Amino acid sequence: MDLDQLHTFLEIVRLKSFSKAAQTCYRTQPAISAQVRQLELELNTTLFERYGTRISLTVAGRILAEHAEQILALRRRAQDAINELEKVPRGELVIAANEATCIYVLPGVFAEFKKQFPNVQLLVDRSYGTRVVQAVLDNLADFGITQLPVQEKKLQVVKIHSDEIKLLVPPGHRLAGQGRVMPADLLGEQLLLPKTGTTRARLNSWLDSVHDELNVSMELDSTEMIKRFVMANLGLSFLAASHCQEEEAGGKLFCVPLGPEPMIRRVGLIYRKDKSLSKAALGFIQVTLDHAGNEVGIFQSLRLRASGT
């Protein structure tokens, strides 16, 4: 039993004629009769009594007619709701991102998105590193925001933010006034390193030349904890400069560039290439790119790729 069969059945009931129903359904009368026979076979009952050229419903036919009306009315309501969704998007989007990104990158994006899409709920899945990528791959999150590079062919990756990883030192520290710091400058210092992630891997590589002489006193997984511990003179650490702007402006921390070259951190928006993007999802991409200062043309190319044109 399918919706087309039910529509045909109800047209016969409404018009009390197979031939007239064939005209309104743009089918031949034999095709209409075949649909009714198929229904009767599926339901194992007779739906119409035939008296020459006249027809009437059997008891089973009246029961089916009542329920068929409800089924098709429900279908119309579903279609109306979907059509309304295009006009006024609603529902939810799940964003996977780490704590620091949620605090320092996303608030402006979320605020603007909610202005434009007030009926769409944003749910944040606090994840880290590869877990962000996996959440998107597993369709547990619609979007992920994570540090680049991301090497995964199934994902669309768009750079949305960049800043610089710097050394964090408390006020008055001997390295606070340096133009840049080299790995050898950290010998004898207590270091508070990120526990895992892309930044930790890059720092390991940068510190490799003095690895055996370093004093790593703690490994931490919280940006706020790192800042608090450095301010409490428990050691030196490393963070993205954008995560420390308030503390640096207030003289509570100093951020010193790493040498010989700056360590640039790039953050990207990721989502599945094969994912069907709703109007709300496309809106989130647009708002994110606008907030990142990217040109609208980038979004247009993404939109074309997403639609397969």
C-alpha atoms as a PDB file:
ATOM      1  CA  MET A   1       0.000   0.000   0.000  1.00  0.00           C
ATOM      2  CA  ASP A   2       1.377   3.381  -0.961  1.00  0.00           C
ATOM      3  CA  LEU A   3       0.149   6.974  -0.866  1.00  0.00           C
ATOM      4  CA  ASP A   4      -0.595   7.043  -4.586  1.00  0.00           C
ATOM      5  CA  GLN A   5      -2.904   4.026  -4.239  1.00  0.00           C
ATOM      6  CA  LEU A   6      -4.718   5.717  -1.371  1.00  0.00           C
ATOM      7  CA  HIS A   7      -5.116   8.909  -3.405  1.00  0.00           C
ATOM      8  CA  THR A   8      -6.577   6.937  -6.311  1.00  0.00           C
ATOM      9  CA  PHE A   9      -8.910   5.035  -3.987  1.00  0.00           C
ATOM     10  CA  LEU A  10     -10.227   8.257  -2.447  1.00  0.00           C
ATOM     11  CA  GLU A  11     -10.776   9.809  -5.889  1.00  0.00           C
ATOM     12  CA  ILE A  12     -12.966   6.828  -6.830  1.00  0.00           C
ATOM     13  CA  VAL A  13     -14.859   7.247  -3.567  1.00  0.00           C
ATOM     14  CA  ARG A  14     -15.300  11.001  -4.131  1.00  0.00           C
ATOM     15  CA  LEU A  15     -16.417  10.702  -7.752  1.00  0.00           C
ATOM     16  CA  LYS A  16     -18.223   7.352  -7.374  1.00  0.00           C
ATOM     17  CA  SER A  17     -16.719   6.332 -10.701  1.00  0.00           C
ATOM     18  CA  PHE A  18     -13.616   4.495 -11.899  1.00  0.00           C
ATOM     19  CA  SER A  19     -13.654   6.281 -15.261  1.00  0.00           C
ATOM     20  CA  LYS A  20     -13.922   9.780 -13.773  1.00  0.00           C
ATOM     21  CA  ALA A  21     -11.181   8.984 -11.245  1.00  0.00           C
ATOM     22  CA  ALA A  22      -8.980   7.838 -14.134  1.00  0.00           C
ATOM     23  CA  GLN A  23      -9.355  11.288 -15.692  1.00  0.00           C
ATOM     24  CA  THR A  24      -8.532  13.255 -12.521  1.00  0.00           C
ATOM     25  CA  CYS A  25      -5.563  10.957 -11.784  1.00  0.00           C
ATOM     26  CA  TYR A  26      -4.321  11.150 -15.399  1.00  0.00           C
ATOM     27  CA  ARG A  27      -4.365   7.359 -15.786  1.00  0.00           C
ATOM     28  CA  THR A  28      -6.233   4.837 -17.869  1.00  0.00           C
ATOM     29  CA  GLN A  29      -9.222   3.089 -16.349  1.00  0.00           C
ATOM     30  CA  PRO A  30      -7.452  -0.321 -16.445  1.00  0.00           C
ATOM     31  CA  ALA A  31      -4.554   1.214 -14.478  1.00  0.00           C
ATOM     32  CA  ILE A  32      -7.001   2.559 -11.879  1.00  0.00           C
ATOM     33  CA  SER A  33      -8.708  -0.818 -11.602  1.00  0.00           C
ATOM     34  CA  ALA A  34      -5.316  -2.510 -11.189  1.00  0.00           C
ATOM     35  CA  GLN A  35      -4.444  -0.226  -8.266  1.00  0.00           C
ATOM     36  CA  VAL A  36      -7.715  -1.077  -6.526  1.00  0.00           C
ATOM     37  CA  ARG A  37      -7.168  -4.807  -7.093  1.00  0.00           C
ATOM     38  CA  GLN A  38      -3.686  -4.485  -5.594  1.00  0.00           C
ATOM     39  CA  LEU A  39      -5.139  -2.778  -2.523  1.00  0.00           C
ATOM     40  CA  GLU A  40      -7.764  -5.473  -2.133  1.00  0.00           C
ATOM     41  CA  LEU A  41      -5.108  -8.181  -2.413  1.00  0.00           C
ATOM     42  CA  GLU A  42      -2.917  -6.510   0.214  1.00  0.00           C
ATOM     43  CA  LEU A  43      -5.852  -6.019   2.608  1.00  0.00           C
ATOM     44  CA  ASN A  44      -7.407  -9.394   1.753  1.00  0.00           C
ATOM     45  CA  THR A  45     -10.860  -7.860   1.370  1.00  0.00           C
ATOM     46  CA  THR A  46     -13.245  -6.296  -1.124  1.00  0.00           C
ATOM     47  CA  LEU A  47     -13.454  -2.512  -1.088  1.00  0.00           C
ATOM     48  CA  PHE A  48     -16.255  -1.837  -3.588  1.00  0.00           C
ATOM     49  CA  GLU A  49     -19.617  -3.412  -4.356  1.00  0.00           C
ATOM     50  CA  ARG A  50     -20.362  -3.186  -8.071  1.00  0.00           C
ATOM     51  CA  TYR A  51     -23.922  -2.924  -9.444  1.00  0.00           C
ATOM     52  CA  GLY A  52     -23.542  -2.591 -13.201  1.00  0.00           C
ATOM     53  CA  THR A  53     -22.094   0.880 -13.722  1.00  0.00           C
ATOM     54  CA  ARG A  54     -22.754   1.910 -10.114  1.00  0.00           C
ATOM     55  CA  ILE A  55     -20.367   1.282  -7.206  1.00  0.00           C
ATOM     56  CA  SER A  56     -20.580   1.600  -3.449  1.00  0.00           C
ATOM     57  CA  LEU A  57     -18.179   0.998  -0.584  1.00  0.00           C
ATOM     58  CA  THR A  58     -18.164  -2.159   1.428  1.00  0.00           C
ATOM     59  CA  VAL A  59     -17.789  -1.945   5.218  1.00  0.00           C
ATOM     60  CA  ALA A  60     -14.043  -2.512   4.784  1.00  0.00           C
ATOM     61  CA  GLY A  61     -13.994   0.166   2.086  1.00  0.00           C
ATOM     62  CA  ARG A  62     -15.589   2.720   4.433  1.00  0.00           C
ATOM     63  CA  ILE A  63     -13.026   1.921   7.129  1.00  0.00           C
ATOM     64  CA  LEU A  64     -10.164   2.318   4.658  1.00  0.00           C
ATOM     65  CA  ALA A  65     -11.617   5.580   3.307  1.00  0.00           C
ATOM     66  CA  GLU A  66     -11.712   7.059   6.823  1.00  0.00           C
ATOM     67  CA  HIS A  67      -8.115   6.111   7.578  1.00  0.00           C
ATOM     68  CA  ALA A  68      -6.872   7.019   4.101  1.00  0.00           C
ATOM     69  CA  GLU A  69      -8.205  10.560   4.589  1.00  0.00           C
ATOM     70  CA  GLN A  70      -6.262  10.808   7.847  1.00  0.00           C
ATOM     71  CA  ILE A  71      -3.090   9.410   6.281  1.00  0.00           C
ATOM     72  CA  LEU A  72      -3.157  11.842   3.355  1.00  0.00           C
ATOM     73  CA  ALA A  73      -4.043  14.735   5.650  1.00  0.00           C
ATOM     74  CA  LEU A  74      -1.011  13.845   7.782  1.00  0.00           C
ATOM     75  CA  ARG A  75       1.114  13.771   4.650  1.00  0.00           C
ATOM     76  CA  ARG A  76      -0.114  17.262   3.708  1.00  0.00           C
ATOM     77  CA  ARG A  77       0.679  18.547   7.202  1.00  0.00           C
ATOM     78  CA  ALA A  78       4.162  17.046   6.978  1.00  0.00           C
ATOM     79  CA  GLN A  79       4.733  18.713   3.607  1.00  0.00           C
ATOM     80  CA  ASP A  80       3.430  22.028   4.944  1.00  0.00           C
ATOM     81  CA  ALA A  81       5.784  21.775   7.931  1.00  0.00           C
ATOM     82  CA  ILE A  82       8.720  21.088   5.631  1.00  0.00           C
ATOM     83  CA  ASN A  83       7.770  23.995   3.371  1.00  0.00           C
ATOM     84  CA  GLU A  84       7.503  26.231   6.435  1.00  0.00           C
ATOM     85  CA  LEU A  85      10.952  25.064   7.503  1.00  0.00           C
ATOM     86  CA  GLU A  86      12.408  26.627   4.371  1.00  0.00           C
ATOM     87  CA  LYS A  87      10.742  29.940   5.231  1.00  0.00           C
ATOM     88  CA  VAL A  88      11.460  29.919   8.975  1.00  0.00           C
ATOM     89  CA  PRO A  89      14.225  27.365   9.709  1.00  0.00           C
ATOM     90  CA  ARG A  90      13.906  25.556  13.002  1.00  0.00           C
ATOM     91  CA  GLY A  91      15.369  22.474  14.639  1.00  0.00           C
ATOM     92  CA  GLU A  92      18.921  22.151  15.965  1.00  0.00           C
ATOM     93  CA  LEU A  93      22.566  22.144  14.915  1.00  0.00           C
ATOM     94  CA  VAL A  94      25.252  20.299  16.871  1.00  0.00           C
ATOM     95  CA  ILE A  95      28.688  21.938  16.956  1.00  0.00           C
ATOM     96  CA  ALA A  96      31.719  19.988  18.209  1.00  0.00           C
ATOM     97  CA  ALA A  97      34.525  22.195  19.551  1.00  0.00           C
ATOM     98  CA  ASN A  98      36.937  22.397  22.442  1.00  0.00           C
ATOM     99  CA  GLU A  99      36.453  24.620  25.484  1.00  0.00           C
ATOM    100  CA  ALA A 100      38.797  27.390  24.375  1.00  0.00           C
ATOM    101  CA  THR A 101      37.147  27.651  20.954  1.00  0.00           C
ATOM    102  CA  CYS A 102      33.739  27.851  22.623  1.00  0.00           C
ATOM    103  CA  ILE A 103      34.953  30.715  24.821  1.00  0.00           C
ATOM    104  CA  TYR A 104      37.173  32.725  22.465  1.00  0.00           C
ATOM    105  CA  VAL A 105      36.027  32.015  18.896  1.00  0.00           C
ATOM    106  CA  LEU A 106      32.364  31.009  18.873  1.00  0.00           C
ATOM    107  CA  PRO A 107      30.425  33.532  21.035  1.00  0.00           C
ATOM    108  CA  GLY A 108      30.286  36.156  18.276  1.00  0.00           C
ATOM    109  CA  VAL A 109      29.345  33.535  15.691  1.00  0.00           C
ATOM    110  CA  PHE A 110      26.596  32.114  17.905  1.00  0.00           C
ATOM    111  CA  ALA A 111      25.210  35.556  18.748  1.00  0.00           C
ATOM    112  CA  GLU A 112      24.894  36.564  15.086  1.00  0.00           C
ATOM    113  CA  PHE A 113      23.466  33.183  14.081  1.00  0.00           C
ATOM    114  CA  LYS A 114      20.754  33.405  16.756  1.00  0.00           C
ATOM    115  CA  LYS A 115      19.769  36.845  15.457  1.00  0.00           C
ATOM    116  CA  GLN A 116      19.259  35.430  11.987  1.00  0.00           C
ATOM    117  CA  PHE A 117      17.850  32.018  12.983  1.00  0.00           C
ATOM    118  CA  PRO A 118      16.087  32.484  16.345  1.00  0.00           C
ATOM    119  CA  ASN A 119      14.158  29.205  16.056  1.00  0.00           C
ATOM    120  CA  VAL A 120      17.236  27.019  15.546  1.00  0.00           C
ATOM    121  CA  GLN A 121      18.820  25.617  18.695  1.00  0.00           C
ATOM    122  CA  LEU A 122      22.617  25.390  18.846  1.00  0.00           C
ATOM    123  CA  LEU A 123      23.980  22.461  20.852  1.00  0.00           C
ATOM    124  CA  VAL A 124      27.681  22.435  21.756  1.00  0.00           C
ATOM    125  CA  ASP A 125      29.509  19.131  22.077  1.00  0.00           C
ATOM    126  CA  ARG A 126      32.705  19.883  24.001  1.00  0.00           C
ATOM    127  CA  SER A 127      35.314  17.668  22.366  1.00  0.00           C
ATOM    128  CA  TYR A 128      39.060  17.790  21.761  1.00  0.00           C
ATOM    129  CA  GLY A 129      41.308  17.206  18.756  1.00  0.00           C
ATOM    130  CA  THR A 130      40.567  13.992  16.911  1.00  0.00           C
ATOM    131  CA  ARG A 131      37.316  13.566  18.828  1.00  0.00           C
ATOM    132  CA  VAL A 132      35.941  16.650  17.047  1.00  0.00           C
ATOM    133  CA  VAL A 133      36.812  15.144  13.666  1.00  0.00           C
ATOM    134  CA  GLN A 134      35.340  11.768  14.626  1.00  0.00           C
ATOM    135  CA  ALA A 135      32.112  13.327  15.889  1.00  0.00           C
ATOM    136  CA  VAL A 136      31.579  14.928  12.476  1.00  0.00           C
ATOM    137  CA  LEU A 137      32.536  11.760  10.585  1.00  0.00           C
ATOM    138  CA  ASP A 138      30.083   9.735  12.708  1.00  0.00           C
ATOM    139  CA  ASN A 139      27.304  12.307  12.144  1.00  0.00           C
ATOM    140  CA  LEU A 140      27.145  12.982  15.872  1.00  0.00           C
ATOM    141  CA  ALA A 141      27.817  16.648  15.089  1.00  0.00           C
ATOM    142  CA  ASP A 142      26.763  18.755  12.111  1.00  0.00           C
ATOM    143  CA  PHE A 143      29.912  20.883  12.278  1.00  0.00           C
ATOM    144  CA  GLY A 144      33.270  20.729  13.996  1.00  0.00           C
ATOM    145  CA  ILE A 145      35.686  23.521  14.751  1.00  0.00           C
ATOM    146  CA  THR A 146      39.209  22.285  15.262  1.00  0.00           C
ATOM    147  CA  GLN A 147      42.855  23.100  14.734  1.00  0.00           C
ATOM    148  CA  LEU A 148      44.218  22.468  11.256  1.00  0.00           C
ATOM    149  CA  PRO A 149      45.461  20.579   9.366  1.00  0.00           C
ATOM    150  CA  VAL A 150      42.717  17.945   9.099  1.00  0.00           C
ATOM    151  CA  GLN A 151      43.549  15.186   6.646  1.00  0.00           C
ATOM    152  CA  GLU A 152      40.245  13.477   5.916  1.00  0.00           C
ATOM    153  CA  LYS A 153      38.874  13.158   2.384  1.00  0.00           C
ATOM    154  CA  LYS A 154      35.256  12.883   3.551  1.00  0.00           C
ATOM    155  CA  LEU A 155      35.343  16.325   5.141  1.00  0.00           C
ATOM    156  CA  GLN A 156      35.034  19.832   3.773  1.00  0.00           C
ATOM    157  CA  VAL A 157      37.589  21.998   5.608  1.00  0.00           C
ATOM    158  CA  VAL A 158      37.474  25.810   5.658  1.00  0.00           C
ATOM    159  CA  LYS A 159      39.949  27.986   7.560  1.00  0.00           C
ATOM    160  CA  ILE A 160      38.030  30.439   9.760  1.00  0.00           C
ATOM    161  CA  HIS A 161      40.519  31.704  12.339  1.00  0.00           C
ATOM    162  CA  SER A 162      44.249  32.064  12.896  1.00  0.00           C
ATOM    163  CA  ASP A 163      46.453  33.379  15.672  1.00  0.00           C
ATOM    164  CA  GLU A 164      49.844  32.745  17.198  1.00  0.00           C
ATOM    165  CA  ILE A 165      50.994  30.298  19.861  1.00  0.00           C
ATOM    166  CA  LYS A 166      53.092  32.205  22.384  1.00  0.00           C
ATOM    167  CA  LEU A 167      54.927  31.587  25.644  1.00  0.00           C
ATOM    168  CA  LEU A 168      52.949  32.617  28.729  1.00  0.00           C
ATOM    169  CA  VAL A 169      54.940  34.143  31.577  1.00  0.00           C
ATOM    170  CA  PRO A 170      53.876  35.974  34.766  1.00  0.00           C
ATOM    171  CA  PRO A 171      54.657  39.692  35.283  1.00  0.00           C
ATOM    172  CA  GLY A 172      58.260  40.388  36.247  1.00  0.00           C
ATOM    173  CA  HIS A 173      59.611  37.186  34.746  1.00  0.00           C
ATOM    174  CA  ARG A 174      63.042  37.426  33.081  1.00  0.00           C
ATOM    175  CA  LEU A 175      61.559  36.452  29.675  1.00  0.00           C
ATOM    176  CA  ALA A 176      58.645  38.910  29.780  1.00  0.00           C
ATOM    177  CA  GLY A 177      60.426  41.612  27.825  1.00  0.00           C
ATOM    178  CA  GLN A 178      62.100  39.469  25.169  1.00  0.00           C
ATOM    179  CA  GLY A 179      61.252  39.940  21.523  1.00  0.00           C
ATOM    180  CA  ARG A 180      61.129  36.196  21.039  1.00  0.00           C
ATOM    181  CA  VAL A 181      62.021  33.071  22.970  1.00  0.00           C
ATOM    182  CA  MET A 182      64.011  30.031  21.809  1.00  0.00           C
ATOM    183  CA  PRO A 183      63.798  26.509  23.250  1.00  0.00           C
ATOM    184  CA  ALA A 184      67.150  26.885  25.042  1.00  0.00           C
ATOM    185  CA  ASP A 185      65.762  29.916  26.909  1.00  0.00           C
ATOM    186  CA  LEU A 186      63.406  27.594  28.800  1.00  0.00           C
ATOM    187  CA  LEU A 187      66.090  25.457  30.421  1.00  0.00           C
ATOM    188  CA  GLY A 188      65.717  25.575  34.182  1.00  0.00           C
ATOM    189  CA  GLU A 189      62.063  26.679  33.975  1.00  0.00           C
ATOM    190  CA  GLN A 190      59.048  24.730  35.199  1.00  0.00           C
ATOM    191  CA  LEU A 191      56.828  24.050  32.188  1.00  0.00           C
ATOM    192  CA  LEU A 192      53.060  23.519  32.131  1.00  0.00           C
ATOM    193  CA  LEU A 193      52.257  21.840  28.822  1.00  0.00           C
ATOM    194  CA  PRO A 194      48.934  21.043  27.130  1.00  0.00           C
ATOM    195  CA  LYS A 195      48.177  17.381  27.766  1.00  0.00           C
ATOM    196  CA  THR A 196      47.279  16.405  24.182  1.00  0.00           C
ATOM    197  CA  GLY A 197      46.336  17.814  20.807  1.00  0.00           C
ATOM    198  CA  THR A 198      47.863  19.500  17.779  1.00  0.00           C
ATOM    199  CA  THR A 199      49.445  22.326  19.785  1.00  0.00           C
ATOM    200  CA  ARG A 200      51.183  19.816  22.070  1.00  0.00           C
ATOM    201  CA  ALA A 201      52.533  17.911  19.055  1.00  0.00           C
ATOM    202  CA  ARG A 202      53.897  21.118  17.539  1.00  0.00           C
ATOM    203  CA  LEU A 203      55.454  22.175  20.841  1.00  0.00           C
ATOM    204  CA  ASN A 204      57.105  18.760  21.192  1.00  0.00           C
ATOM    205  CA  SER A 205      58.703  19.276  17.795  1.00  0.00           C
ATOM    206  CA  TRP A 206      59.784  22.840  18.650  1.00  0.00           C
ATOM    207  CA  LEU A 207      61.294  21.710  21.971  1.00  0.00           C
ATOM    208  CA  ASP A 208      62.923  18.597  20.550  1.00  0.00           C
ATOM    209  CA  SER A 209      66.466  20.024  20.605  1.00  0.00           C
ATOM    210  CA  VAL A 210      66.351  20.449  24.417  1.00  0.00           C
ATOM    211  CA  HIS A 211      63.849  17.701  25.211  1.00  0.00           C
ATOM    212  CA  ASP A 212      66.103  15.747  27.579  1.00  0.00           C
ATOM    213  CA  GLU A 213      66.880  18.846  29.648  1.00  0.00           C
ATOM    214  CA  LEU A 214      63.332  20.187  30.061  1.00  0.00           C
ATOM    215  CA  ASN A 215      61.454  20.250  33.343  1.00  0.00           C
ATOM    216  CA  VAL A 216      57.781  19.513  32.568  1.00  0.00           C
ATOM    217  CA  SER A 217      56.056  19.831  35.927  1.00  0.00           C
ATOM    218  CA  MET A 218      52.424  19.478  34.789  1.00  0.00           C
ATOM    219  CA  GLU A 219      50.309  18.491  31.795  1.00  0.00           C
ATOM    220  CA  LEU A 220      46.963  20.312  31.700  1.00  0.00           C
ATOM    221  CA  ASP A 221      43.878  20.029  29.491  1.00  0.00           C
ATOM    222  CA  SER A 222      42.188  23.340  30.329  1.00  0.00           C
ATOM    223  CA  THR A 223      43.012  26.761  28.899  1.00  0.00           C
ATOM    224  CA  GLU A 224      41.680  28.513  31.984  1.00  0.00           C
ATOM    225  CA  MET A 225      43.687  26.268  34.282  1.00  0.00           C
ATOM    226  CA  ILE A 226      46.870  26.979  32.319  1.00  0.00           C
ATOM    227  CA  LYS A 227      46.384  30.736  32.640  1.00  0.00           C
ATOM    228  CA  ARG A 228      45.563  30.559  36.345  1.00  0.00           C
ATOM    229  CA  PHE A 229      48.587  28.383  37.107  1.00  0.00           C
ATOM    230  CA  VAL A 230      50.963  30.683  35.213  1.00  0.00           C
ATOM    231  CA  MET A 231      49.547  33.715  37.064  1.00  0.00           C
ATOM    232  CA  ALA A 232      50.132  31.815  40.307  1.00  0.00           C
ATOM    233  CA  ASN A 233      53.842  31.396  39.373  1.00  0.00           C
ATOM    234  CA  LEU A 234      53.560  27.614  39.099  1.00  0.00           C
ATOM    235  CA  GLY A 235      55.398  27.593  35.770  1.00  0.00           C
ATOM    236  CA  LEU A 236      55.435  28.809  32.173  1.00  0.00           C
ATOM    237  CA  SER A 237      53.126  27.584  29.452  1.00  0.00           C
ATOM    238  CA  PHE A 238      51.983  28.110  25.869  1.00  0.00           C
ATOM    239  CA  LEU A 239      48.641  29.316  24.517  1.00  0.00           C
ATOM    240  CA  ALA A 240      47.105  31.014  21.518  1.00  0.00           C
ATOM    241  CA  ALA A 241      47.525  34.757  21.969  1.00  0.00           C
ATOM    242  CA  SER A 242      43.810  35.368  21.368  1.00  0.00           C
ATOM    243  CA  HIS A 243      43.038  33.302  24.474  1.00  0.00           C
ATOM    244  CA  CYS A 244      45.023  35.641  26.708  1.00  0.00           C
ATOM    245  CA  GLN A 245      44.104  39.114  25.461  1.00  0.00           C
ATOM    246  CA  GLU A 246      42.178  40.131  28.571  1.00  0.00           C
ATOM    247  CA  GLU A 247      44.890  38.991  30.974  1.00  0.00           C
ATOM    248  CA  GLU A 248      47.665  40.556  28.896  1.00  0.00           C
ATOM    249  CA  ALA A 249      45.795  43.863  28.657  1.00  0.00           C
ATOM    250  CA  GLY A 250      45.399  43.826  32.440  1.00  0.00           C
ATOM    251  CA  GLY A 251      49.111  43.140  33.017  1.00  0.00           C
ATOM    252  CA  LYS A 252      48.397  39.741  34.588  1.00  0.00           C
ATOM    253  CA  LEU A 253      50.273  37.765  31.929  1.00  0.00           C
ATOM    254  CA  PHE A 254      52.851  38.420  29.222  1.00  0.00           C
ATOM    255  CA  CYS A 255      52.821  36.635  25.868  1.00  0.00           C
ATOM    256  CA  VAL A 256      56.214  36.170  24.211  1.00  0.00           C
ATOM    257  CA  PRO A 257      56.517  35.047  20.536  1.00  0.00           C
ATOM    258  CA  LEU A 258      58.379  31.827  19.803  1.00  0.00           C
ATOM    259  CA  GLY A 259      61.428  31.790  17.527  1.00  0.00           C
ATOM    260  CA  PRO A 260      63.041  31.559  15.144  1.00  0.00           C
ATOM    261  CA  GLU A 261      59.681  31.711  13.279  1.00  0.00           C
ATOM    262  CA  PRO A 262      56.240  32.459  14.741  1.00  0.00           C
ATOM    263  CA  MET A 263      54.132  29.389  15.541  1.00  0.00           C
ATOM    264  CA  ILE A 264      50.861  30.132  13.732  1.00  0.00           C
ATOM    265  CA  ARG A 265      47.745  28.272  14.773  1.00  0.00           C
ATOM    266  CA  ARG A 266      44.948  27.824  12.219  1.00  0.00           C
ATOM    267  CA  VAL A 267      41.402  26.812  13.105  1.00  0.00           C
ATOM    268  CA  GLY A 268      38.941  25.395  10.608  1.00  0.00           C
ATOM    269  CA  LEU A 269      35.258  24.657  10.219  1.00  0.00           C
ATOM    270  CA  ILE A 270      34.668  21.062   9.138  1.00  0.00           C
ATOM    271  CA  TYR A 271      31.617  19.144   7.933  1.00  0.00           C
ATOM    272  CA  ARG A 272      30.927  16.080   5.818  1.00  0.00           C
ATOM    273  CA  LYS A 273      31.093  16.636   2.059  1.00  0.00           C
ATOM    274  CA  ASP A 274      28.176  14.254   1.516  1.00  0.00           C
ATOM    275  CA  LYS A 275      25.946  15.865   4.141  1.00  0.00           C
ATOM    276  CA  SER A 276      22.715  17.449   2.959  1.00  0.00           C
ATOM    277  CA  LEU A 277      22.864  21.032   4.187  1.00  0.00           C
ATOM    278  CA  SER A 278      19.666  22.621   5.459  1.00  0.00           C
ATOM    279  CA  LYS A 279      18.981  26.340   5.158  1.00  0.00           C
ATOM    280  CA  ALA A 280      20.033  26.686   8.808  1.00  0.00           C
ATOM    281  CA  ALA A 281      23.280  24.784   8.181  1.00  0.00           C
ATOM    282  CA  LEU A 282      24.110  26.942   5.170  1.00  0.00           C
ATOM    283  CA  GLY A 283      23.326  29.962   7.342  1.00  0.00           C
ATOM    284  CA  PHE A 284      25.773  28.772   9.989  1.00  0.00           C
ATOM    285  CA  ILE A 285      28.528  28.464   7.380  1.00  0.00           C
ATOM    286  CA  GLN A 286      27.761  31.952   6.084  1.00  0.00           C
ATOM    287  CA  VAL A 287      27.758  33.530   9.548  1.00  0.00           C
ATOM    288  CA  THR A 288      30.986  31.743  10.491  1.00  0.00           C
ATOM    289  CA  LEU A 289      32.744  32.906   7.335  1.00  0.00           C
ATOM    290  CA  ASP A 290      31.436  36.449   7.747  1.00  0.00           C
ATOM    291  CA  HIS A 291      32.729  36.485  11.308  1.00  0.00           C
ATOM    292  CA  ALA A 292      36.081  35.197  10.097  1.00  0.00           C
ATOM    293  CA  GLY A 293      36.286  37.997   7.529  1.00  0.00           C
ATOM    294  CA  ASN A 294      36.207  35.686   4.512  1.00  0.00           C
ATOM    295  CA  GLU A 295      34.745  36.931   1.259  1.00  0.00           C
ATOM    296  CA  VAL A 296      31.226  35.921   0.274  1.00  0.00           C
ATOM    297  CA  GLY A 297      32.610  34.302  -2.855  1.00  0.00           C
ATOM    298  CA  ILE A 298      34.137  31.516  -0.771  1.00  0.00           C
ATOM    299  CA  PHE A 299      30.722  30.725   0.641  1.00  0.00           C
ATOM    300  CA  GLN A 300      29.169  30.740  -2.808  1.00  0.00           C
ATOM    301  CA  SER A 301      31.670  28.146  -4.043  1.00  0.00           C
ATOM    302  CA  LEU A 302      30.986  25.999  -0.982  1.00  0.00           C
ATOM    303  CA  ARG A 303      27.280  26.289  -1.583  1.00  0.00           C
ATOM    304  CA  LEU A 304      27.656  25.123  -5.169  1.00  0.00           C
ATOM    305  CA  ARG A 305      29.782  22.163  -4.101  1.00  0.00           C
ATOM    306  CA  ALA A 306      27.270  21.277  -1.373  1.00  0.00           C
ATOM    307  CA  SER A 307      24.406  21.265  -3.881  1.00  0.00           C
ATOM    308  CA  GLY A 308      26.409  19.234  -6.377  1.00  0.00           C
ATOM    309  CA  THR A 309      26.096  21.787  -9.179  1.00  0.00           C
END
